[in-house]
Amino acid sequence: MTESKKPMAKDLRDIKDDAPDLTESPWAEKLAAAPVVRGRPKSEQTKVSTTIRLDADVLEGFRSDGPGWQSRINDVLRAWLAKR
């Protein structure tokens, strides 16, 4: 071993572990009863993926305001439909 490397622990079994054993009661029951939730919650109104061609200056104007530019475009289009 070179002098620049620190020695590793002699045996990992010698290291004291303060974490509880999750296979014993009451942890096992709590883990079994916990619901598994994965991903983002489903929206009541889902979006449709589409492709739209916009002028570069229009797109740059929306993007310059930062994150959420697609939602802002959606809001403007929704307002236009409401006025129609």
Protein backbone atom coordinates (compact mmCIF):
# COMPACT_ATOMS: atom_id res chain seq x y z
CA MET A 1 0.00 0.00 0.00
CA THR A 2 1.28 3.46 -0.81
CA GLU A 3 1.58 6.12 1.87
CA SER A 4 -1.00 8.39 0.20
CA LYS A 5 -3.85 5.90 0.70
CA LYS A 6 -5.59 5.51 4.04
CA PRO A 7 -6.08 1.97 5.34
CA MET A 8 -9.59 0.50 5.07
CA ALA A 9 -11.52 -0.85 8.06
CA LYS A 10 -10.17 -4.26 9.02
CA ASP A 11 -13.56 -5.94 8.98
CA LEU A 12 -16.96 -4.37 8.34
CA ARG A 13 -18.51 -6.69 10.93
CA ASP A 14 -16.48 -4.90 13.60
CA ILE A 15 -18.24 -1.59 12.89
CA LYS A 16 -21.12 -0.90 15.33
CA ASP A 17 -24.41 -0.31 13.53
CA ASP A 18 -26.93 1.89 15.35
CA ALA A 19 -29.66 1.38 12.75
CA PRO A 20 -32.61 -0.74 13.94
CA ASP A 21 -33.21 -4.18 12.44
CA LEU A 22 -36.11 -3.50 10.06
CA THR A 23 -37.03 -7.19 9.86
CA GLU A 24 -38.17 -7.25 13.49
CA SER A 25 -41.44 -6.08 15.01
CA PRO A 26 -42.76 -3.30 14.94
CA TRP A 27 -40.71 -2.20 11.93
CA ALA A 28 -41.67 -5.15 9.73
CA GLU A 29 -45.41 -4.44 10.21
CA LYS A 30 -44.96 -0.73 9.51
CA LEU A 31 -43.01 -1.39 6.33
CA ALA A 32 -45.53 -3.98 5.14
CA ALA A 33 -48.46 -1.60 5.73
CA ALA A 34 -46.84 1.42 4.05
CA PRO A 35 -48.29 2.19 0.61
CA VAL A 36 -45.89 2.15 -2.32
CA VAL A 37 -46.10 5.44 -4.20
CA ARG A 38 -44.01 5.85 -7.34
CA GLY A 39 -43.64 8.79 -9.66
CA ARG A 40 -45.63 11.97 -9.89
CA PRO A 41 -49.29 11.99 -8.85
CA LYS A 42 -51.69 11.62 -11.77
CA SER A 43 -53.25 14.88 -12.88
CA GLU A 44 -57.01 15.18 -13.25
CA GLN A 45 -56.48 16.91 -16.59
CA THR A 46 -53.69 15.29 -18.55
CA LYS A 47 -51.73 17.11 -21.23
CA VAL A 48 -51.30 15.97 -24.82
CA SER A 49 -47.85 15.94 -26.35
CA THR A 50 -47.74 17.77 -29.67
CA THR A 51 -45.39 19.61 -31.98
CA ILE A 52 -45.99 23.25 -32.81
CA ARG A 53 -43.94 25.62 -34.92
CA LEU A 54 -43.52 29.13 -33.49
CA ASP A 55 -41.58 32.16 -34.68
CA ALA A 56 -38.18 32.37 -33.03
CA ASP A 57 -38.89 35.75 -31.40
CA VAL A 58 -42.16 34.50 -29.88
CA LEU A 59 -40.46 31.44 -28.44
CA GLU A 60 -37.53 33.48 -27.14
CA GLY A 61 -39.95 35.91 -25.48
CA PHE A 62 -41.62 33.13 -23.52
CA ARG A 63 -38.35 31.36 -22.68
CA SER A 64 -36.72 34.59 -21.48
CA ASP A 65 -39.11 34.68 -18.50
CA GLY A 66 -37.61 31.43 -17.22
CA PRO A 67 -39.02 28.03 -16.32
CA GLY A 68 -42.71 27.44 -17.01
CA TRP A 69 -42.65 28.95 -20.48
CA GLN A 70 -44.68 26.09 -21.95
CA SER A 71 -47.36 26.58 -19.30
CA ARG A 72 -47.44 30.31 -20.10
CA ILE A 73 -47.95 29.55 -23.79
CA ASN A 74 -50.75 27.18 -22.79
CA ASP A 75 -52.36 29.92 -20.64
CA VAL A 76 -52.21 32.47 -23.48
CA LEU A 77 -53.81 30.02 -25.91
CA ARG A 78 -56.52 29.16 -23.36
CA ALA A 79 -57.29 32.88 -22.85
CA TRP A 80 -57.49 33.37 -26.62
CA LEU A 81 -59.95 30.49 -26.92
CA ALA A 82 -62.11 31.93 -24.14
CA LYS A 83 -62.36 35.31 -25.93
CA ARG A 84 -63.23 33.72 -29.26
